[in-house]
Amino acid sequence: MPEEIHTVIWSRVIECVKDGMFAVTTEIYEELEHLPGAIGTSIKESKAVLRLEIEDDEWDWITYLEHVERMRETYAEVISENNGNRKNTVSLNDISIIALAKTLGLPVISSEKKLATG
């Protein structure tokens, strides 16, 4: 949703980013740093508190990896990289987002488009 339409929501998201209540893996950060406007700027300015790296003792990356591996095994048949990137599957980046949220106890916010029904 464009920032100029939902100014209150985006301003609160930016507050969460600046307050360190928003976390991403390196792969996801690389996608988000291209967002335009104030949200993109706040993400770039908050890189140090947003981006979490494996083997950084500031967070529980071991539990994160455990979640990733468990989900990769459990959901192998619906992971796009395992299935020729076919439609209606999830990517390993999606798995990493969910694993990170589970590890940190944070909600997942998605900008994916809703599939047309029926």
N, C-alpha and C. Protein backbone atom coordinates (compact mmCIF):
# COMPACT_ATOMS: atom_id res chain seq x y z
N MET A 1 0.84 -1.18 0.00
CA MET A 1 0.00 0.00 0.00
C MET A 1 0.89 1.25 0.00
N PRO A 2 0.56 2.20 -0.83
CA PRO A 2 1.37 3.42 -0.90
C PRO A 2 1.38 4.19 0.41
N GLU A 3 2.52 4.77 0.71
CA GLU A 3 2.67 5.54 1.95
C GLU A 3 1.71 6.71 2.04
N GLU A 4 1.46 7.37 0.91
CA GLU A 4 0.61 8.57 0.94
C GLU A 4 -0.86 8.25 1.21
N ILE A 5 -1.26 7.00 1.02
CA ILE A 5 -2.65 6.62 1.29
C ILE A 5 -2.83 6.18 2.75
N HIS A 6 -1.86 5.47 3.27
CA HIS A 6 -1.96 4.94 4.64
C HIS A 6 -0.86 5.53 5.52
N THR A 7 -0.87 6.83 5.67
CA THR A 7 0.21 7.52 6.39
C THR A 7 0.33 7.08 7.84
N VAL A 8 -0.78 6.84 8.51
CA VAL A 8 -0.73 6.45 9.93
C VAL A 8 -0.10 5.07 10.07
N ILE A 9 -0.52 4.14 9.25
CA ILE A 9 0.04 2.78 9.33
C ILE A 9 1.53 2.80 9.04
N TRP A 10 1.94 3.46 7.95
CA TRP A 10 3.34 3.48 7.59
C TRP A 10 4.18 4.20 8.63
N SER A 11 3.65 5.26 9.23
CA SER A 11 4.43 5.95 10.26
C SER A 11 4.65 5.04 11.46
N ARG A 12 3.67 4.21 11.78
CA ARG A 12 3.84 3.26 12.89
C ARG A 12 4.82 2.15 12.53
N VAL A 13 4.80 1.70 11.28
CA VAL A 13 5.79 0.71 10.84
C VAL A 13 7.19 1.30 10.95
N ILE A 14 7.35 2.54 10.52
CA ILE A 14 8.66 3.21 10.61
C ILE A 14 9.10 3.32 12.06
N GLU A 15 8.18 3.63 12.98
CA GLU A 15 8.50 3.67 14.41
C GLU A 15 9.00 2.32 14.88
N CYS A 16 8.35 1.24 14.46
CA CYS A 16 8.76 -0.12 14.83
C CYS A 16 10.16 -0.43 14.30
N VAL A 17 10.43 -0.01 13.08
CA VAL A 17 11.76 -0.21 12.50
C VAL A 17 12.80 0.50 13.34
N LYS A 18 12.56 1.76 13.63
CA LYS A 18 13.53 2.56 14.39
C LYS A 18 13.68 2.07 15.83
N ASP A 19 12.62 1.48 16.39
CA ASP A 19 12.67 0.98 17.77
C ASP A 19 13.24 -0.43 17.88
N GLY A 20 13.66 -0.99 16.75
CA GLY A 20 14.25 -2.32 16.78
C GLY A 20 13.23 -3.44 16.94
N MET A 21 11.98 -3.17 16.60
CA MET A 21 10.93 -4.19 16.72
C MET A 21 10.68 -4.86 15.37
N PHE A 22 11.63 -4.77 14.50
CA PHE A 22 11.52 -5.27 13.15
C PHE A 22 12.85 -5.95 12.87
N ALA A 23 12.83 -7.18 12.37
CA ALA A 23 14.08 -7.89 12.13
C ALA A 23 14.03 -8.61 10.79
N VAL A 24 15.17 -8.72 10.15
CA VAL A 24 15.25 -9.39 8.86
C VAL A 24 16.55 -10.17 8.75
N THR A 25 16.53 -11.19 7.90
CA THR A 25 17.76 -11.86 7.54
C THR A 25 18.44 -11.02 6.45
N THR A 26 19.67 -11.33 6.14
CA THR A 26 20.40 -10.58 5.13
C THR A 26 19.68 -10.60 3.79
N GLU A 27 19.17 -11.77 3.40
CA GLU A 27 18.48 -11.89 2.11
C GLU A 27 17.26 -10.99 2.03
N ILE A 28 16.50 -10.94 3.10
CA ILE A 28 15.30 -10.11 3.12
C ILE A 28 15.68 -8.63 3.18
N TYR A 29 16.72 -8.30 3.94
CA TYR A 29 17.18 -6.91 3.98
C TYR A 29 17.52 -6.42 2.57
N GLU A 30 18.19 -7.27 1.81
CA GLU A 30 18.58 -6.89 0.45
C GLU A 30 17.37 -6.60 -0.43
N GLU A 31 16.24 -7.24 -0.16
CA GLU A 31 15.01 -6.92 -0.89
C GLU A 31 14.40 -5.61 -0.39
N LEU A 32 14.36 -5.44 0.93
CA LEU A 32 13.69 -4.28 1.52
C LEU A 32 14.43 -2.96 1.30
N GLU A 33 15.75 -3.01 1.15
CA GLU A 33 16.49 -1.75 1.01
C GLU A 33 16.16 -1.04 -0.31
N HIS A 34 15.42 -1.70 -1.19
CA HIS A 34 15.02 -1.08 -2.45
C HIS A 34 13.63 -0.44 -2.38
N LEU A 35 12.97 -0.52 -1.22
CA LEU A 35 11.66 0.10 -1.09
C LEU A 35 11.78 1.62 -1.19
N PRO A 36 10.84 2.26 -1.87
CA PRO A 36 10.90 3.72 -2.01
C PRO A 36 10.34 4.42 -0.77
N GLY A 37 10.55 5.71 -0.73
CA GLY A 37 9.92 6.56 0.27
C GLY A 37 10.52 6.46 1.66
N ALA A 38 9.74 6.91 2.63
CA ALA A 38 10.20 6.99 4.02
C ALA A 38 10.48 5.62 4.61
N ILE A 39 9.69 4.61 4.23
CA ILE A 39 9.93 3.27 4.77
C ILE A 39 11.28 2.74 4.28
N GLY A 40 11.57 2.93 3.01
CA GLY A 40 12.87 2.51 2.47
C GLY A 40 14.02 3.23 3.14
N THR A 41 13.85 4.53 3.35
CA THR A 41 14.88 5.32 4.01
C THR A 41 15.10 4.84 5.44
N SER A 42 14.01 4.58 6.18
CA SER A 42 14.17 4.14 7.57
C SER A 42 14.83 2.76 7.64
N ILE A 43 14.53 1.91 6.67
CA ILE A 43 15.16 0.58 6.64
C ILE A 43 16.66 0.72 6.40
N LYS A 44 17.04 1.54 5.44
CA LYS A 44 18.47 1.76 5.17
C LYS A 44 19.17 2.37 6.37
N GLU A 45 18.53 3.33 7.03
CA GLU A 45 19.14 3.99 8.19
C GLU A 45 19.22 3.08 9.40
N SER A 46 18.40 2.04 9.45
CA SER A 46 18.35 1.16 10.62
C SER A 46 18.99 -0.20 10.36
N LYS A 47 19.80 -0.29 9.34
CA LYS A 47 20.41 -1.57 8.95
C LYS A 47 21.06 -2.30 10.13
N ALA A 48 21.78 -1.58 10.96
CA ALA A 48 22.52 -2.20 12.06
C ALA A 48 21.60 -2.90 13.07
N VAL A 49 20.39 -2.39 13.28
CA VAL A 49 19.49 -3.02 14.25
C VAL A 49 18.50 -3.98 13.60
N LEU A 50 18.35 -3.90 12.29
CA LEU A 50 17.39 -4.76 11.59
C LEU A 50 17.98 -6.10 11.19
N ARG A 51 19.15 -6.05 10.59
CA ARG A 51 19.72 -7.22 9.95
C ARG A 51 20.42 -8.12 10.96
N LEU A 52 20.01 -9.37 10.98
CA LEU A 52 20.60 -10.34 11.89
C LEU A 52 21.43 -11.34 11.09
N GLU A 53 22.63 -11.60 11.54
CA GLU A 53 23.55 -12.49 10.85
C GLU A 53 23.74 -13.78 11.66
N ILE A 54 23.90 -14.88 10.94
CA ILE A 54 24.23 -16.15 11.59
C ILE A 54 25.59 -15.98 12.29
N GLU A 55 25.71 -16.56 13.47
CA GLU A 55 26.90 -16.53 14.32
C GLU A 55 27.11 -15.21 15.04
N ASP A 56 26.12 -14.32 14.99
CA ASP A 56 26.17 -13.09 15.77
C ASP A 56 25.57 -13.40 17.14
N ASP A 57 26.35 -13.27 18.18
CA ASP A 57 25.91 -13.66 19.52
C ASP A 57 24.84 -12.77 20.12
N GLU A 58 24.40 -11.74 19.41
CA GLU A 58 23.37 -10.83 19.91
C GLU A 58 21.96 -11.42 19.82
N TRP A 59 21.80 -12.58 19.17
CA TRP A 59 20.48 -13.19 19.03
C TRP A 59 20.62 -14.70 18.94
N ASP A 60 19.50 -15.40 19.06
CA ASP A 60 19.48 -16.86 19.12
C ASP A 60 19.45 -17.49 17.72
N TRP A 61 20.54 -17.37 17.00
CA TRP A 61 20.61 -17.87 15.62
C TRP A 61 20.58 -19.39 15.56
N ILE A 62 20.96 -20.06 16.63
CA ILE A 62 20.91 -21.53 16.63
C ILE A 62 19.46 -22.01 16.55
N THR A 63 18.58 -21.41 17.33
CA THR A 63 17.16 -21.75 17.26
C THR A 63 16.59 -21.40 15.90
N TYR A 64 17.01 -20.28 15.34
CA TYR A 64 16.58 -19.89 14.00
C TYR A 64 16.93 -20.98 12.99
N LEU A 65 18.17 -21.46 13.01
CA LEU A 65 18.57 -22.51 12.07
C LEU A 65 17.79 -23.81 12.29
N GLU A 66 17.49 -24.10 13.55
CA GLU A 66 16.68 -25.29 13.85
C GLU A 66 15.30 -25.16 13.22
N HIS A 67 14.68 -24.00 13.35
CA HIS A 67 13.37 -23.76 12.73
C HIS A 67 13.46 -23.89 11.21
N VAL A 68 14.49 -23.30 10.61
CA VAL A 68 14.65 -23.36 9.15
C VAL A 68 14.76 -24.81 8.70
N GLU A 69 15.61 -25.58 9.33
CA GLU A 69 15.81 -26.97 8.91
C GLU A 69 14.55 -27.81 9.10
N ARG A 70 13.86 -27.60 10.22
CA ARG A 70 12.63 -28.36 10.46
C ARG A 70 11.60 -28.04 9.39
N MET A 71 11.43 -26.76 9.08
CA MET A 71 10.44 -26.37 8.07
C MET A 71 10.84 -26.81 6.67
N ARG A 72 12.14 -26.78 6.37
CA ARG A 72 12.60 -27.26 5.06
C ARG A 72 12.26 -28.73 4.86
N GLU A 73 12.39 -29.51 5.92
CA GLU A 73 12.06 -30.93 5.83
C GLU A 73 10.55 -31.15 5.81
N THR A 74 9.84 -30.50 6.70
CA THR A 74 8.40 -30.69 6.83
C THR A 74 7.65 -30.24 5.58
N TYR A 75 8.07 -29.13 4.99
CA TYR A 75 7.34 -28.54 3.88
C TYR A 75 8.07 -28.65 2.54
N ALA A 76 8.96 -29.62 2.42
CA ALA A 76 9.77 -29.78 1.20
C ALA A 76 8.94 -29.81 -0.07
N GLU A 77 7.76 -30.44 0.00
CA GLU A 77 6.96 -30.59 -1.22
C GLU A 77 6.29 -29.30 -1.70
N VAL A 78 6.28 -28.27 -0.86
CA VAL A 78 5.69 -26.99 -1.28
C VAL A 78 6.70 -25.85 -1.34
N ILE A 79 7.97 -26.16 -1.26
CA ILE A 79 9.02 -25.14 -1.37
C ILE A 79 9.40 -25.01 -2.84
N SER A 80 9.31 -23.81 -3.37
CA SER A 80 9.47 -23.58 -4.81
C SER A 80 10.82 -24.05 -5.34
N GLU A 81 11.88 -23.84 -4.59
CA GLU A 81 13.21 -24.25 -5.04
C GLU A 81 13.32 -25.77 -5.20
N ASN A 82 12.45 -26.51 -4.54
CA ASN A 82 12.44 -27.97 -4.65
C ASN A 82 11.53 -28.45 -5.78
N ASN A 83 10.78 -27.53 -6.35
CA ASN A 83 9.72 -27.89 -7.30
C ASN A 83 9.77 -27.07 -8.58
N GLY A 84 10.96 -26.77 -9.06
CA GLY A 84 11.07 -26.03 -10.31
C GLY A 84 10.48 -24.64 -10.27
N ASN A 85 10.41 -24.06 -9.07
CA ASN A 85 9.85 -22.70 -8.88
C ASN A 85 8.42 -22.57 -9.40
N ARG A 86 7.65 -23.63 -9.26
CA ARG A 86 6.27 -23.57 -9.75
C ARG A 86 5.43 -22.63 -8.90
N LYS A 87 4.32 -22.17 -9.48
CA LYS A 87 3.42 -21.25 -8.78
C LYS A 87 2.76 -21.95 -7.60
N ASN A 88 2.23 -21.13 -6.69
CA ASN A 88 1.50 -21.60 -5.50
C ASN A 88 2.38 -22.41 -4.56
N THR A 89 3.65 -22.03 -4.49
CA THR A 89 4.57 -22.62 -3.53
C THR A 89 5.19 -21.48 -2.71
N VAL A 90 5.98 -21.82 -1.72
CA VAL A 90 6.69 -20.82 -0.93
C VAL A 90 8.18 -20.94 -1.22
N SER A 91 8.89 -19.85 -1.04
CA SER A 91 10.33 -19.88 -1.29
C SER A 91 11.10 -20.11 0.00
N LEU A 92 12.37 -20.41 -0.14
CA LEU A 92 13.21 -20.55 1.05
C LEU A 92 13.32 -19.23 1.79
N ASN A 93 13.22 -18.09 1.09
CA ASN A 93 13.18 -16.80 1.78
C ASN A 93 11.95 -16.70 2.66
N ASP A 94 10.80 -17.21 2.17
CA ASP A 94 9.58 -17.22 2.99
C ASP A 94 9.81 -18.05 4.26
N ILE A 95 10.44 -19.19 4.10
CA ILE A 95 10.74 -20.06 5.25
C ILE A 95 11.63 -19.31 6.23
N SER A 96 12.63 -18.58 5.72
CA SER A 96 13.54 -17.86 6.61
C SER A 96 12.82 -16.76 7.39
N ILE A 97 11.85 -16.10 6.75
CA ILE A 97 11.07 -15.06 7.42
C ILE A 97 10.27 -15.65 8.57
N ILE A 98 9.61 -16.76 8.31
CA ILE A 98 8.79 -17.40 9.34
C ILE A 98 9.67 -17.91 10.48
N ALA A 99 10.80 -18.51 10.14
CA ALA A 99 11.72 -19.01 11.17
C ALA A 99 12.24 -17.87 12.04
N LEU A 100 12.54 -16.75 11.43
CA LEU A 100 13.02 -15.59 12.19
C LEU A 100 11.93 -15.09 13.13
N ALA A 101 10.72 -14.99 12.62
CA ALA A 101 9.61 -14.53 13.46
C ALA A 101 9.38 -15.48 14.63
N LYS A 102 9.43 -16.79 14.37
CA LYS A 102 9.25 -17.76 15.45
C LYS A 102 10.35 -17.62 16.49
N THR A 103 11.58 -17.44 16.04
CA THR A 103 12.72 -17.32 16.95
C THR A 103 12.61 -16.09 17.83
N LEU A 104 12.21 -14.97 17.23
CA LEU A 104 12.17 -13.70 17.96
C LEU A 104 10.83 -13.40 18.61
N GLY A 105 9.82 -14.23 18.34
CA GLY A 105 8.49 -13.99 18.89
C GLY A 105 7.84 -12.75 18.30
N LEU A 106 8.09 -12.49 17.01
CA LEU A 106 7.54 -11.32 16.33
C LEU A 106 6.51 -11.76 15.30
N PRO A 107 5.57 -10.88 14.96
CA PRO A 107 4.59 -11.22 13.91
C PRO A 107 5.23 -11.15 12.53
N VAL A 108 4.62 -11.81 11.58
CA VAL A 108 5.05 -11.74 10.18
C VAL A 108 4.10 -10.80 9.45
N ILE A 109 4.68 -9.85 8.73
CA ILE A 109 3.91 -8.94 7.89
C ILE A 109 4.31 -9.20 6.46
N SER A 110 3.33 -9.40 5.62
CA SER A 110 3.62 -9.76 4.23
C SER A 110 3.00 -8.74 3.28
N SER A 111 3.68 -8.54 2.16
CA SER A 111 3.12 -7.68 1.14
C SER A 111 2.75 -8.50 -0.10
N GLU A 112 2.63 -9.79 0.07
CA GLU A 112 2.26 -10.66 -1.04
C GLU A 112 0.86 -10.31 -1.53
N LYS A 113 0.60 -10.52 -2.79
CA LYS A 113 -0.71 -10.26 -3.36
C LYS A 113 -1.62 -11.46 -3.11
N LYS A 114 -2.87 -11.19 -2.83
CA LYS A 114 -3.87 -12.23 -2.64
C LYS A 114 -4.19 -12.88 -3.98
N LEU A 115 -4.25 -14.21 -4.00
CA LEU A 115 -4.59 -14.92 -5.22
C LEU A 115 -6.07 -14.75 -5.52
N ALA A 116 -6.39 -14.64 -6.78
CA ALA A 116 -7.79 -14.56 -7.18
C ALA A 116 -8.47 -15.90 -6.89
N THR A 117 -9.69 -15.86 -6.44
CA THR A 117 -10.42 -17.10 -6.14
C THR A 117 -11.54 -17.30 -7.15
N GLY A 118 -11.87 -18.58 -7.32
CA GLY A 118 -12.98 -19.06 -8.03
C GLY A 118 -13.32 -18.65 -9.34
